Amino acid sequence: MIAPILEEIAGEYNGKVKVTKLDVDSNNQTAARYSIMSIPSVLFFRGGQVVDQIVGAVPKAQLTARLQKVLA
């Protein structure tokens, strides 16, 4: 659902952030490590640590606003 939005954001922030996707069915240990209970879940990392998280499909404006806070 939000994959096209994330691809847009990846292009717009190329060189500033890394956007990756993870198949939680194939990587259940990673999903458990970050307590992923609902899909989609977007985790924001800084310095290797989760600093923010969004659960559920949200508009691009909300994703970019949260990303801007993480980058600040």
Protein backbone atom coordinates (compact mmCIF):
# COMPACT_ATOMS: atom_id res chain seq x y z
CA MET A 1 0.00 0.00 0.00
CA ILE A 2 2.68 2.51 0.91
CA ALA A 3 5.45 1.02 -1.24
CA PRO A 4 4.99 3.57 -4.05
CA ILE A 5 5.16 6.41 -1.52
CA LEU A 6 8.32 4.99 0.03
CA GLU A 7 9.90 4.70 -3.42
CA GLU A 8 9.13 8.38 -4.07
CA ILE A 9 10.64 9.35 -0.73
CA ALA A 10 13.73 7.23 -1.45
CA GLY A 11 14.23 9.14 -4.70
CA GLU A 12 13.64 12.54 -3.14
CA TYR A 13 16.02 11.87 -0.23
CA ASN A 14 18.62 9.96 -2.24
CA GLY A 15 21.98 10.29 -0.51
CA LYS A 16 20.36 11.51 2.72
CA VAL A 17 18.46 8.43 3.89
CA LYS A 18 18.32 4.75 3.09
CA VAL A 19 14.87 3.28 2.48
CA THR A 20 14.63 -0.49 2.71
CA LYS A 21 11.84 -3.06 2.82
CA LEU A 22 11.68 -6.28 4.78
CA ASP A 23 9.45 -9.28 4.21
CA VAL A 24 8.41 -10.09 7.78
CA ASP A 25 7.16 -13.55 6.80
CA SER A 26 10.66 -14.51 5.65
CA ASN A 27 12.42 -12.58 8.43
CA ASN A 28 10.33 -13.31 11.49
CA GLN A 29 13.27 -12.95 13.90
CA THR A 30 13.88 -9.39 12.76
CA ALA A 31 10.16 -8.62 12.99
CA ALA A 32 10.10 -9.99 16.53
CA ARG A 33 13.22 -8.01 17.47
CA TYR A 34 11.46 -4.77 16.56
CA SER A 35 8.02 -5.87 17.82
CA ILE A 36 6.37 -5.62 14.40
CA MET A 37 2.78 -6.65 14.98
CA SER A 38 1.02 -4.85 12.11
CA ILE A 39 1.79 -4.28 8.46
CA PRO A 40 2.75 -1.79 7.20
CA SER A 41 5.15 -0.58 9.85
CA VAL A 42 7.75 2.06 9.12
CA LEU A 43 10.70 2.29 11.47
CA PHE A 44 13.01 5.30 11.47
CA PHE A 45 16.59 4.60 12.52
CA ARG A 46 19.32 6.98 13.50
CA GLY A 47 22.72 5.73 14.52
CA GLY A 48 21.47 2.15 14.37
CA GLN A 49 18.67 2.76 16.87
CA VAL A 50 14.93 3.07 16.27
CA VAL A 51 13.98 6.68 16.96
CA ASP A 52 10.43 6.72 15.59
CA GLN A 53 7.82 4.36 14.17
CA ILE A 54 4.61 4.62 12.17
CA VAL A 55 2.13 1.75 12.07
CA GLY A 56 -0.46 1.62 9.32
CA ALA A 57 -0.89 3.26 5.95
CA VAL A 58 -0.44 7.01 6.21
CA PRO A 59 -0.23 9.80 3.63
CA LYS A 60 3.10 10.86 2.17
CA ALA A 61 2.93 14.19 4.00
CA GLN A 62 2.86 12.42 7.35
CA LEU A 63 5.79 10.17 6.43
CA THR A 64 7.92 13.07 5.23
CA ALA A 65 7.04 15.17 8.28
CA ARG A 66 8.21 12.40 10.60
CA LEU A 67 11.32 11.87 8.47
CA GLN A 68 12.15 15.56 8.73
CA LYS A 69 12.00 15.30 12.54
CA VAL A 70 14.37 12.35 12.48
CA LEU A 71 16.79 14.21 10.21
CA ALA A 72 16.72 17.36 12.37
